[in-house]
C-alpha atoms as a PDB file:
ATOM      1  CA  MET A   1     -32.654 -14.573  29.753  1.00  0.00           C
ATOM      2  CA  GLU A   2     -32.777 -18.252  28.371  1.00  0.00           C
ATOM      3  CA  ALA A   3     -29.875 -19.561  26.372  1.00  0.00           C
ATOM      4  CA  GLU A   4     -29.946 -20.187  22.695  1.00  0.00           C
ATOM      5  CA  PRO A   5     -30.279 -23.967  21.609  1.00  0.00           C
ATOM      6  CA  GLY A   6     -26.898 -23.999  20.125  1.00  0.00           C
ATOM      7  CA  VAL A   7     -25.364 -22.825  23.579  1.00  0.00           C
ATOM      8  CA  ARG A   8     -27.451 -25.371  25.518  1.00  0.00           C
ATOM      9  CA  SER A   9     -26.317 -28.105  22.940  1.00  0.00           C
ATOM     10  CA  ALA A  10     -22.470 -26.905  23.704  1.00  0.00           C
ATOM     11  CA  TYR A  11     -23.073 -26.898  27.293  1.00  0.00           C
ATOM     12  CA  LEU A  12     -24.602 -30.655  27.374  1.00  0.00           C
ATOM     13  CA  ARG A  13     -21.724 -31.914  25.026  1.00  0.00           C
ATOM     14  CA  ARG A  14     -19.336 -30.612  27.647  1.00  0.00           C
ATOM     15  CA  VAL A  15     -21.075 -31.888  30.613  1.00  0.00           C
ATOM     16  CA  LEU A  16     -21.099 -35.247  28.759  1.00  0.00           C
ATOM     17  CA  GLY A  17     -17.416 -34.976  28.127  1.00  0.00           C
ATOM     18  CA  VAL A  18     -16.589 -34.206  31.695  1.00  0.00           C
ATOM     19  CA  TRP A  19     -18.352 -36.958  32.935  1.00  0.00           C
ATOM     20  CA  GLY A  20     -16.798 -39.347  30.839  1.00  0.00           C
ATOM     21  CA  LEU A  21     -13.410 -37.899  31.656  1.00  0.00           C
ATOM     22  CA  LEU A  22     -13.958 -38.471  35.218  1.00  0.00           C
ATOM     23  CA  VAL A  23     -15.230 -42.104  34.495  1.00  0.00           C
ATOM     24  CA  ALA A  24     -11.997 -42.402  32.669  1.00  0.00           C
ATOM     25  CA  VAL A  25      -9.395 -41.450  35.510  1.00  0.00           C
ATOM     26  CA  LEU A  26     -11.577 -43.553  37.896  1.00  0.00           C
ATOM     27  CA  ILE A  27     -11.177 -46.442  35.307  1.00  0.00           C
ATOM     28  CA  VAL A  28      -7.454 -45.956  35.172  1.00  0.00           C
ATOM     29  CA  ILE A  29      -7.081 -45.470  38.991  1.00  0.00           C
ATOM     30  CA  THR A  30      -9.105 -48.606  39.745  1.00  0.00           C
ATOM     31  CA  MET A  31      -7.263 -50.897  37.342  1.00  0.00           C
ATOM     32  CA  THR A  32      -3.688 -49.569  38.395  1.00  0.00           C
ATOM     33  CA  ALA A  33      -4.921 -50.290  42.059  1.00  0.00           C
ATOM     34  CA  LEU A  34      -6.031 -53.647  41.410  1.00  0.00           C
ATOM     35  CA  ALA A  35      -3.245 -54.664  38.980  1.00  0.00           C
ATOM     36  CA  ASP A  36      -1.168 -56.312  41.983  1.00  0.00           C
ATOM     37  CA  PRO A  37      -1.463 -59.019  42.817  1.00  0.00           C
ATOM     38  CA  PHE A  38      -2.098 -60.447  39.101  1.00  0.00           C
ATOM     39  CA  GLU A  39      -4.522 -63.651  39.642  1.00  0.00           C
ATOM     40  CA  PRO A  40      -5.219 -65.444  36.265  1.00  0.00           C
ATOM     41  CA  ASP A  41      -8.463 -66.981  37.336  1.00  0.00           C
ATOM     42  CA  SER A  42     -10.239 -63.653  38.626  1.00  0.00           C
ATOM     43  CA  PHE A  43     -12.092 -61.135  36.964  1.00  0.00           C
ATOM     44  CA  GLY A  44      -9.020 -58.737  37.819  1.00  0.00           C
ATOM     45  CA  PRO A  45      -8.031 -56.217  35.177  1.00  0.00           C
ATOM     46  CA  GLY A  46      -5.377 -56.542  32.511  1.00  0.00           C
ATOM     47  CA  HIS A  47      -5.840 -60.057  31.401  1.00  0.00           C
ATOM     48  CA  ASP A  48      -5.183 -59.212  27.807  1.00  0.00           C
ATOM     49  CA  ALA A  49      -2.386 -56.575  28.593  1.00  0.00           C
ATOM     50  CA  ARG A  50      -0.473 -59.099  30.698  1.00  0.00           C
ATOM     51  CA  ALA A  51       0.540 -60.941  27.798  1.00  0.00           C
ATOM     52  CA  TYR A  52       2.028 -57.755  26.061  1.00  0.00           C
ATOM     53  CA  TRP A  53       4.025 -57.040  29.136  1.00  0.00           C
ATOM     54  CA  ALA A  54       5.183 -60.363  30.430  1.00  0.00           C
ATOM     55  CA  ALA A  55       5.857 -62.262  27.059  1.00  0.00           C
ATOM     56  CA  PRO A  56       9.668 -62.822  27.015  1.00  0.00           C
ATOM     57  CA  ILE A  57      11.443 -61.264  23.770  1.00  0.00           C
ATOM     58  CA  ASP A  58      13.535 -64.355  23.336  1.00  0.00           C
ATOM     59  CA  ALA A  59      10.511 -66.508  23.188  1.00  0.00           C
ATOM     60  CA  PRO A  60       7.447 -65.026  23.458  1.00  0.00           C
ATOM     61  CA  TYR A  61       5.235 -67.769  21.672  1.00  0.00           C
ATOM     62  CA  VAL A  62       5.889 -70.428  24.444  1.00  0.00           C
ATOM     63  CA  PRO A  63       3.285 -71.304  25.218  1.00  0.00           C
ATOM     64  CA  GLY A  64       0.737 -69.778  22.890  1.00  0.00           C
ATOM     65  CA  SER A  65      -2.581 -70.524  21.873  1.00  0.00           C
ATOM     66  CA  VAL A  66      -5.640 -68.964  21.411  1.00  0.00           C
ATOM     67  CA  GLY A  67      -7.684 -68.470  24.661  1.00  0.00           C
ATOM     68  CA  GLN A  68      -4.939 -69.578  26.970  1.00  0.00           C
ATOM     69  CA  GLU A  69      -4.198 -67.334  29.669  1.00  0.00           C
ATOM     70  CA  SER A  70      -1.128 -64.451  29.146  1.00  0.00           C
ATOM     71  CA  ALA A  71      -0.713 -65.953  25.806  1.00  0.00           C
ATOM     72  CA  TYR A  72       1.019 -63.794  23.370  1.00  0.00           C
ATOM     73  CA  LEU A  73      -0.485 -63.894  19.816  1.00  0.00           C
ATOM     74  CA  TYR A  74       0.583 -60.714  17.895  1.00  0.00           C
ATOM     75  CA  SER A  75       3.959 -60.293  15.908  1.00  0.00           C
ATOM     76  CA  PRO A  76       7.285 -59.337  17.033  1.00  0.00           C
ATOM     77  CA  ALA A  77       6.678 -55.980  15.729  1.00  0.00           C
ATOM     78  CA  PHE A  78       4.088 -55.395  18.465  1.00  0.00           C
ATOM     79  CA  LEU A  79       6.291 -56.693  21.146  1.00  0.00           C
ATOM     80  CA  VAL A  80       9.243 -54.412  19.916  1.00  0.00           C
ATOM     81  CA  ALA A  81       7.214 -51.384  19.436  1.00  0.00           C
ATOM     82  CA  LEU A  82       5.996 -51.856  23.356  1.00  0.00           C
ATOM     83  CA  SER A  83       9.690 -52.425  24.554  1.00  0.00           C
ATOM     84  CA  PRO A  84       9.847 -48.949  26.646  1.00  0.00           C
ATOM     85  CA  LEU A  85       6.508 -49.844  28.226  1.00  0.00           C
ATOM     86  CA  ARG A  86       7.461 -53.233  28.876  1.00  0.00           C
ATOM     87  CA  ALA A  87      10.239 -52.156  31.201  1.00  0.00           C
ATOM     88  CA  LEU A  88       7.970 -50.583  33.949  1.00  0.00           C
ATOM     89  CA  PRO A  89       6.475 -52.537  36.612  1.00  0.00           C
ATOM     90  CA  TRP A  90       3.412 -54.369  35.907  1.00  0.00           C
ATOM     91  CA  PRO A  91       0.813 -51.699  37.625  1.00  0.00           C
ATOM     92  CA  LEU A  92       2.435 -48.692  35.874  1.00  0.00           C
ATOM     93  CA  PHE A  93       2.306 -50.227  32.843  1.00  0.00           C
ATOM     94  CA  LEU A  94      -1.347 -51.241  32.881  1.00  0.00           C
ATOM     95  CA  GLY A  95      -2.263 -47.986  34.163  1.00  0.00           C
ATOM     96  CA  LEU A  96      -0.317 -46.025  31.127  1.00  0.00           C
ATOM     97  CA  TRP A  97      -1.607 -48.487  28.772  1.00  0.00           C
ATOM     98  CA  THR A  98      -5.255 -47.875  30.058  1.00  0.00           C
ATOM     99  CA  ALA A  99      -4.735 -44.153  29.865  1.00  0.00           C
ATOM    100  CA  GLY A 100      -3.619 -44.730  26.244  1.00  0.00           C
ATOM    101  CA  LEU A 101      -6.573 -46.701  25.192  1.00  0.00           C
ATOM    102  CA  LEU A 102      -8.967 -44.228  26.931  1.00  0.00           C
ATOM    103  CA  ALA A 103      -7.033 -41.132  25.289  1.00  0.00           C
ATOM    104  CA  VAL A 104      -7.309 -43.063  21.678  1.00  0.00           C
ATOM    105  CA  LEU A 105     -11.369 -43.624  22.441  1.00  0.00           C
ATOM    106  CA  TYR A 106     -11.449 -39.676  22.901  1.00  0.00           C
ATOM    107  CA  TRP A 107     -10.230 -39.120  20.010  1.00  0.00           C
ATOM    108  CA  LEU A 108     -12.556 -41.311  18.407  1.00  0.00           C
ATOM    109  CA  ALA A 109     -15.466 -40.205  20.275  1.00  0.00           C
ATOM    110  CA  ARG A 110     -14.939 -36.524  21.183  1.00  0.00           C
ATOM    111  CA  PRO A 111     -17.086 -35.258  24.368  1.00  0.00           C
ATOM    112  CA  LEU A 112     -20.727 -35.974  23.045  1.00  0.00           C
ATOM    113  CA  LEU A 113     -19.881 -39.698  22.443  1.00  0.00           C
ATOM    114  CA  PHE A 114     -17.187 -40.636  25.019  1.00  0.00           C
ATOM    115  CA  LEU A 115     -18.992 -41.859  27.998  1.00  0.00           C
ATOM    116  CA  PRO A 116     -21.482 -43.905  25.937  1.00  0.00           C
ATOM    117  CA  LEU A 117     -18.317 -45.402  24.120  1.00  0.00           C
ATOM    118  CA  VAL A 118     -16.541 -45.968  27.183  1.00  0.00           C
ATOM    119  CA  LEU A 119     -19.274 -48.013  28.425  1.00  0.00           C
ATOM    120  CA  LEU A 120     -19.502 -50.094  25.148  1.00  0.00           C
ATOM    121  CA  ALA A 121     -15.830 -50.671  25.137  1.00  0.00           C
ATOM    122  CA  LEU A 122     -15.390 -51.337  28.914  1.00  0.00           C
ATOM    123  CA  PRO A 123     -15.009 -54.933  28.608  1.00  0.00           C
ATOM    124  CA  GLU A 124     -12.125 -54.477  26.261  1.00  0.00           C
ATOM    125  CA  ILE A 125     -10.645 -51.467  28.530  1.00  0.00           C
ATOM    126  CA  TRP A 126     -10.809 -53.803  31.663  1.00  0.00           C
ATOM    127  CA  GLY A 127      -8.911 -56.468  29.597  1.00  0.00           C
ATOM    128  CA  GLY A 128      -6.601 -54.178  28.084  1.00  0.00           C
ATOM    129  CA  ASN A 129      -7.451 -55.510  24.659  1.00  0.00           C
ATOM    130  CA  ILE A 130      -6.121 -53.443  21.259  1.00  0.00           C
ATOM    131  CA  THR A 131      -9.727 -53.503  19.766  1.00  0.00           C
ATOM    132  CA  ILE A 132     -10.026 -49.786  20.196  1.00  0.00           C
ATOM    133  CA  LEU A 133      -6.451 -49.454  18.293  1.00  0.00           C
ATOM    134  CA  LEU A 134      -7.812 -51.511  15.734  1.00  0.00           C
ATOM    135  CA  ALA A 135     -10.808 -49.254  15.624  1.00  0.00           C
ATOM    136  CA  ALA A 136      -8.664 -46.154  15.428  1.00  0.00           C
ATOM    137  CA  ALA A 137      -6.418 -47.780  12.792  1.00  0.00           C
ATOM    138  CA  ILE A 138      -9.833 -48.211  10.635  1.00  0.00           C
ATOM    139  CA  VAL A 139     -10.762 -44.341  10.999  1.00  0.00           C
ATOM    140  CA  LEU A 140      -6.874 -43.343  10.251  1.00  0.00           C
ATOM    141  CA  GLY A 141      -6.662 -45.652   7.277  1.00  0.00           C
ATOM    142  CA  PHE A 142      -8.908 -43.644   4.838  1.00  0.00           C
ATOM    143  CA  SER A 143      -6.483 -40.696   5.357  1.00  0.00           C
ATOM    144  CA  ARG A 144      -3.339 -42.791   6.128  1.00  0.00           C
ATOM    145  CA  PRO A 145      -3.566 -45.958   4.432  1.00  0.00           C
ATOM    146  CA  SER A 146      -0.410 -47.097   6.256  1.00  0.00           C
ATOM    147  CA  ALA A 147      -2.396 -47.549   9.473  1.00  0.00           C
ATOM    148  CA  TRP A 148      -3.716 -50.863   8.353  1.00  0.00           C
ATOM    149  CA  ALA A 149      -0.360 -52.485   9.210  1.00  0.00           C
ATOM    150  CA  PHE A 150      -1.458 -52.336  12.321  1.00  0.00           C
ATOM    151  CA  PRO A 151      -4.219 -54.761  12.395  1.00  0.00           C
ATOM    152  CA  LEU A 152      -2.314 -56.890   9.508  1.00  0.00           C
ATOM    153  CA  LEU A 153       0.531 -57.144  12.156  1.00  0.00           C
ATOM    154  CA  THR A 154      -1.441 -58.211  15.345  1.00  0.00           C
ATOM    155  CA  LYS A 155      -4.723 -59.990  14.659  1.00  0.00           C
ATOM    156  CA  VAL A 156      -3.991 -60.126  11.160  1.00  0.00           C
ATOM    157  CA  THR A 157      -7.579 -61.372   9.788  1.00  0.00           C
ATOM    158  CA  PRO A 158      -9.150 -57.927  10.260  1.00  0.00           C
ATOM    159  CA  GLY A 159      -6.606 -56.667   7.648  1.00  0.00           C
ATOM    160  CA  LEU A 160      -9.250 -58.019   5.347  1.00  0.00           C
ATOM    161  CA  GLY A 161     -10.262 -54.094   5.457  1.00  0.00           C
ATOM    162  CA  VAL A 162      -7.567 -53.005   2.895  1.00  0.00           C
ATOM    163  CA  LEU A 163     -10.158 -54.966   0.469  1.00  0.00           C
ATOM    164  CA  TRP A 164     -11.815 -51.509   0.679  1.00  0.00           C
ATOM    165  CA  PHE A 165      -8.739 -50.131  -1.473  1.00  0.00           C
ATOM    166  CA  GLY A 166      -8.805 -52.746  -3.881  1.00  0.00           C
ATOM    167  CA  VAL A 167     -12.571 -52.738  -4.700  1.00  0.00           C
ATOM    168  CA  ARG A 168     -12.562 -48.616  -5.097  1.00  0.00           C
ATOM    169  CA  ARG A 169      -9.300 -49.279  -7.350  1.00  0.00           C
ATOM    170  CA  GLU A 170      -7.295 -47.017  -4.958  1.00  0.00           C
ATOM    171  CA  TRP A 171      -4.191 -48.644  -5.796  1.00  0.00           C
ATOM    172  CA  LEU A 172      -1.921 -46.168  -4.233  1.00  0.00           C
ATOM    173  CA  ALA A 173      -3.430 -46.632  -0.969  1.00  0.00           C
ATOM    174  CA  LEU A 174      -3.413 -50.417  -1.282  1.00  0.00           C
ATOM    175  CA  GLY A 175       0.125 -50.378  -2.075  1.00  0.00           C
ATOM    176  CA  ILE A 176       1.020 -47.995   0.851  1.00  0.00           C
ATOM    177  CA  SER A 177      -0.845 -50.144   3.300  1.00  0.00           C
ATOM    178  CA  LEU A 178       0.727 -53.439   2.072  1.00  0.00           C
ATOM    179  CA  ALA A 179       4.365 -51.863   1.545  1.00  0.00           C
ATOM    180  CA  THR A 180       4.140 -50.367   5.022  1.00  0.00           C
ATOM    181  CA  THR A 181       3.492 -53.880   6.395  1.00  0.00           C
ATOM    182  CA  VAL A 182       6.196 -55.424   4.521  1.00  0.00           C
ATOM    183  CA  ALA A 183       9.024 -52.525   5.741  1.00  0.00           C
ATOM    184  CA  VAL A 184       7.877 -53.075   9.234  1.00  0.00           C
ATOM    185  CA  ILE A 185       8.654 -56.712   8.965  1.00  0.00           C
ATOM    186  CA  ALA A 186      11.838 -56.449   7.284  1.00  0.00           C
ATOM    187  CA  VAL A 187      12.825 -53.867   9.946  1.00  0.00           C
ATOM    188  CA  THR A 188      11.772 -55.905  13.103  1.00  0.00           C
ATOM    189  CA  ALA A 189      13.321 -59.039  11.613  1.00  0.00           C
ATOM    190  CA  LEU A 190      16.646 -57.634  11.949  1.00  0.00           C
ATOM    191  CA  ILE A 191      15.723 -57.130  15.788  1.00  0.00           C
ATOM    192  CA  THR A 192      13.953 -60.157  16.515  1.00  0.00           C
ATOM    193  CA  PRO A 193      15.589 -62.924  14.266  1.00  0.00           C
ATOM    194  CA  GLY A 194      13.499 -66.269  13.899  1.00  0.00           C
ATOM    195  CA  LEU A 195      10.770 -64.609  16.073  1.00  0.00           C
ATOM    196  CA  TRP A 196       8.946 -64.147  12.583  1.00  0.00           C
ATOM    197  CA  ALA A 197       8.944 -67.851  11.747  1.00  0.00           C
ATOM    198  CA  ASP A 198       7.873 -68.734  15.264  1.00  0.00           C
ATOM    199  CA  TRP A 199       4.693 -66.311  14.850  1.00  0.00           C
ATOM    200  CA  LEU A 200       4.042 -67.891  11.637  1.00  0.00           C
ATOM    201  CA  THR A 201       4.011 -71.279  13.123  1.00  0.00           C
ATOM    202  CA  LEU A 202       1.812 -70.107  15.761  1.00  0.00           C
ATOM    203  CA  LEU A 203      -0.857 -68.643  13.229  1.00  0.00           C
ATOM    204  CA  THR A 204      -0.721 -72.204  11.488  1.00  0.00           C
ATOM    205  CA  SER A 205      -1.424 -74.228  14.481  1.00  0.00           C
ATOM    206  CA  SER A 206      -4.155 -71.872  15.630  1.00  0.00           C
ATOM    207  CA  THR A 207      -6.210 -71.768  12.544  1.00  0.00           C
ATOM    208  CA  GLY A 208      -8.909 -73.986  14.137  1.00  0.00           C
ATOM    209  CA  SER A 209      -9.182 -72.207  17.395  1.00  0.00           C
ATOM    210  CA  SER A 210     -11.594 -69.243  16.203  1.00  0.00           C
ATOM    211  CA  THR A 211     -14.214 -70.608  18.674  1.00  0.00           C
ATOM    212  CA  VAL A 212     -13.113 -70.897  22.234  1.00  0.00           C
ATOM    213  CA  PRO A 213     -15.375 -71.083  25.467  1.00  0.00           C
ATOM    214  CA  GLY A 214     -16.758 -67.658  26.034  1.00  0.00           C
ATOM    215  CA  SER A 215     -16.413 -66.482  22.350  1.00  0.00           C
ATOM    216  CA  VAL A 216     -19.360 -66.159  19.710  1.00  0.00           C
ATOM    217  CA  PRO A 217     -19.796 -69.697  18.235  1.00  0.00           C
ATOM    218  CA  ILE A 218     -19.185 -69.442  14.791  1.00  0.00           C
ATOM    219  CA  PRO A 219     -15.813 -70.274  13.094  1.00  0.00           C
ATOM    220  CA  LEU A 220     -13.978 -67.601  11.021  1.00  0.00           C
ATOM    221  CA  VAL A 221     -14.132 -69.880   8.195  1.00  0.00           C
ATOM    222  CA  ALA A 222     -18.018 -69.146   8.085  1.00  0.00           C
ATOM    223  CA  ARG A 223     -17.647 -65.216   8.870  1.00  0.00           C
ATOM    224  CA  LEU A 224     -15.120 -64.372   6.423  1.00  0.00           C
ATOM    225  CA  PRO A 225     -17.202 -64.662   3.120  1.00  0.00           C
ATOM    226  CA  PHE A 226     -19.977 -62.440   4.824  1.00  0.00           C
ATOM    227  CA  ALA A 227     -16.918 -59.701   6.282  1.00  0.00           C
ATOM    228  CA  ALA A 228     -15.460 -59.739   2.493  1.00  0.00           C
ATOM    229  CA  ALA A 229     -19.304 -58.938   1.167  1.00  0.00           C
ATOM    230  CA  ILE A 230     -19.760 -56.282   3.917  1.00  0.00           C
ATOM    231  CA  VAL A 231     -16.334 -54.636   3.004  1.00  0.00           C
ATOM    232  CA  ALA A 232     -16.928 -54.702  -0.619  1.00  0.00           C
ATOM    233  CA  TYR A 233     -20.614 -53.507  -0.503  1.00  0.00           C
ATOM    234  CA  ALA A 234     -19.244 -50.450   1.977  1.00  0.00           C
ATOM    235  CA  ALA A 235     -16.486 -49.780  -0.383  1.00  0.00           C
ATOM    236  CA  LEU A 236     -18.792 -49.936  -3.782  1.00  0.00           C
ATOM    237  CA  THR A 237     -21.466 -47.661  -1.919  1.00  0.00           C
ATOM    238  CA  GLY A 238     -19.051 -45.340  -0.224  1.00  0.00           C
ATOM    239  CA  ARG A 239     -20.439 -46.416   3.365  1.00  0.00           C
ATOM    240  CA  ARG A 240     -17.283 -45.997   5.386  1.00  0.00           C
ATOM    241  CA  TRP A 241     -19.304 -46.445   8.603  1.00  0.00           C
ATOM    242  CA  LEU A 242     -20.005 -49.970   7.377  1.00  0.00           C
ATOM    243  CA  LEU A 243     -16.269 -50.918   7.038  1.00  0.00           C
ATOM    244  CA  PRO A 244     -15.728 -51.726  10.697  1.00  0.00           C
ATOM    245  CA  VAL A 245     -18.980 -54.274  10.793  1.00  0.00           C
ATOM    246  CA  GLY A 246     -17.054 -56.081   7.979  1.00  0.00           C
ATOM    247  CA  VAL A 247     -13.932 -56.101  10.064  1.00  0.00           C
ATOM    248  CA  LEU A 248     -15.985 -57.208  13.142  1.00  0.00           C
ATOM    249  CA  LEU A 249     -16.953 -60.358  11.486  1.00  0.00           C
ATOM    250  CA  ALA A 250     -13.293 -61.029  10.257  1.00  0.00           C
ATOM    251  CA  MET A 251     -11.867 -60.924  13.792  1.00  0.00           C
ATOM    252  CA  PRO A 252     -10.052 -64.201  14.159  1.00  0.00           C
ATOM    253  CA  VAL A 253     -12.167 -64.641  17.500  1.00  0.00           C
ATOM    254  CA  ILE A 254     -15.127 -62.750  18.407  1.00  0.00           C
ATOM    255  CA  TRP A 255     -15.476 -62.297  22.061  1.00  0.00           C
ATOM    256  CA  TRP A 256     -18.719 -60.133  23.025  1.00  0.00           C
ATOM    257  CA  GLY A 257     -15.957 -57.325  24.053  1.00  0.00           C
ATOM    258  CA  SER A 258     -15.195 -57.310  20.334  1.00  0.00           C
ATOM    259  CA  LEU A 259     -18.174 -54.906  19.635  1.00  0.00           C
ATOM    260  CA  ALA A 260     -15.734 -52.146  21.155  1.00  0.00           C
ATOM    261  CA  ILE A 261     -14.780 -52.340  17.042  1.00  0.00           C
ATOM    262  CA  LEU A 262     -17.869 -50.444  16.380  1.00  0.00           C
ATOM    263  CA  THR A 263     -16.542 -47.352  18.057  1.00  0.00           C
ATOM    264  CA  ALA A 264     -14.982 -46.686  14.497  1.00  0.00           C
ATOM    265  CA  THR A 265     -18.486 -46.772  13.161  1.00  0.00           C
ATOM    266  CA  ALA A 266     -19.680 -44.490  15.961  1.00  0.00           C
ATOM    267  CA  ALA A 267     -16.336 -42.016  14.889  1.00  0.00           C
ATOM    268  CA  LEU A 268     -17.098 -41.822  11.214  1.00  0.00           C
ATOM    269  CA  LYS A 269     -20.736 -41.245  11.926  1.00  0.00           C
ATOM    270  CA  ARG A 270     -20.012 -38.724  14.311  1.00  0.00           C
ATOM    271  CA  ALA A 271     -21.109 -35.400  12.561  1.00  0.00           C
ATOM    272  CA  ASP A 272     -24.390 -36.962  11.764  1.00  0.00           C
ATOM    273  CA  ILE A 273     -25.055 -38.259  15.202  1.00  0.00           C
ATOM    274  CA  GLU A 274     -24.134 -34.923  16.660  1.00  0.00           C
ATOM    275  CA  MET A 275     -26.388 -33.181  14.139  1.00  0.00           C
ATOM    276  CA  ARG A 276     -29.164 -35.592  15.095  1.00  0.00           C
ATOM    277  CA  PHE A 277     -28.338 -34.854  18.834  1.00  0.00           C
ATOM    278  CA  ASP A 278     -28.510 -31.129  18.055  1.00  0.00           C
ATOM    279  CA  THR A 279     -31.762 -31.481  16.131  1.00  0.00           C
ATOM    280  CA  LEU A 280     -33.483 -33.649  18.999  1.00  0.00           C
ATOM    281  CA  LEU A 281     -32.633 -30.963  21.519  1.00  0.00           C
ATOM    282  CA  ALA A 282     -33.887 -28.413  19.479  1.00  0.00           C
ATOM    283  CA  SER A 283     -37.173 -30.166  19.124  1.00  0.00           C
ATOM    284  CA  ILE A 284     -37.619 -31.089  22.789  1.00  0.00           C
ATOM    285  CA  GLU A 285     -36.826 -27.402  23.792  1.00  0.00           C
ATOM    286  CA  THR A 286     -39.413 -26.045  21.046  1.00  0.00           C
ATOM    287  CA  ARG A 287     -41.993 -28.594  22.535  1.00  0.00           C
ATOM    288  CA  TYR A 288     -41.524 -27.363  26.107  1.00  0.00           C
ATOM    289  CA  HIS A 289     -42.004 -23.741  25.242  1.00  0.00           C
ATOM    290  CA  ARG A 290     -44.874 -24.396  23.270  1.00  0.00           C
ATOM    291  CA  ARG A 291     -46.456 -26.220  26.313  1.00  0.00           C
ATOM    292  CA  LEU A 292     -45.189 -23.596  28.504  1.00  0.00           C
ATOM    293  CA  SER A 293     -46.868 -20.874  26.720  1.00  0.00           C
ATOM    294  CA  ALA A 294     -49.954 -22.698  26.300  1.00  0.00           C
ATOM    295  CA  GLN A 295     -50.266 -23.054  29.895  1.00  0.00           C
ATOM    296  CA  ARG A 296     -49.496 -19.476  30.466  1.00  0.00           C
ATOM    297  CA  ALA A 297     -51.876 -18.486  28.079  1.00  0.00           C
ATOM    298  CA  ALA A 298     -54.845 -20.827  29.862  1.00  0.00           C
ATOM    299  CA  ALA A 299     -53.622 -19.445  33.217  1.00  0.00           C
ATOM    300  CA  SER A 300     -54.284 -15.524  31.742  1.00  0.00           C
ATOM    301  CA  THR A 301     -57.604 -16.429  30.771  1.00  0.00           C
ATOM    302  CA  SER A 302     -59.055 -18.213  33.639  1.00  0.00           C
END
């Protein structure tokens, strides 16, 4: 007795999900095992995450510039939020950080898309960058606008995505996103006095560093108008899946691994992708059974 198409589809999703989880576990184990000794000039894991772990809380922005090894470039708020993890040894920090990134990616992708999106985001996972968290903030931001505080207080310019609320005249959502950002700044300024001024100085001095060796050679100033146009068009037409494309163009520096931000597009189109997957699977099964029936009919008449 053959299984129904829906049963087969669910089975294949589970298989893909299991394989994705096995790959994820292998990635975590490998990165943790290779974390020490950390060699800045190698292709070892955690080149971005190292800055989150190693930056001294009293002077995190010295030295600090885009493209410099282990330079911490985000706001003091991010550093404060990571304080419990930063107290751990470097290999354990990297292992837990990587597991967290993969858990967020699984939430975005669910079983069917998890393995393909792990492969798409692998450069950012290997480096420990926050791109997957930015993708999650975009998806979450539609229902919880406060999530936009994360892009605004880390990479800053991807916060252009809040233009979505302005174009759609969703003033309450826009107000919540900005008020949350201001509240986080106010609270962390009490914990880390003086660091916010240092961060603003760093941002000002880095305005001309939107292209560095290894990045996409298109400066931010040239990309921002297109980013704003895409976000505005997405908002006007209600195309949520297009918002991550605008955010990608608004990244301060676009590395090839920055394409991981498009995991948000996959998440926002997940229902449609899953439906197309089921339709494709049903079509393949139908053609197979027709061919099998034709072969049996031919065999019975010969």
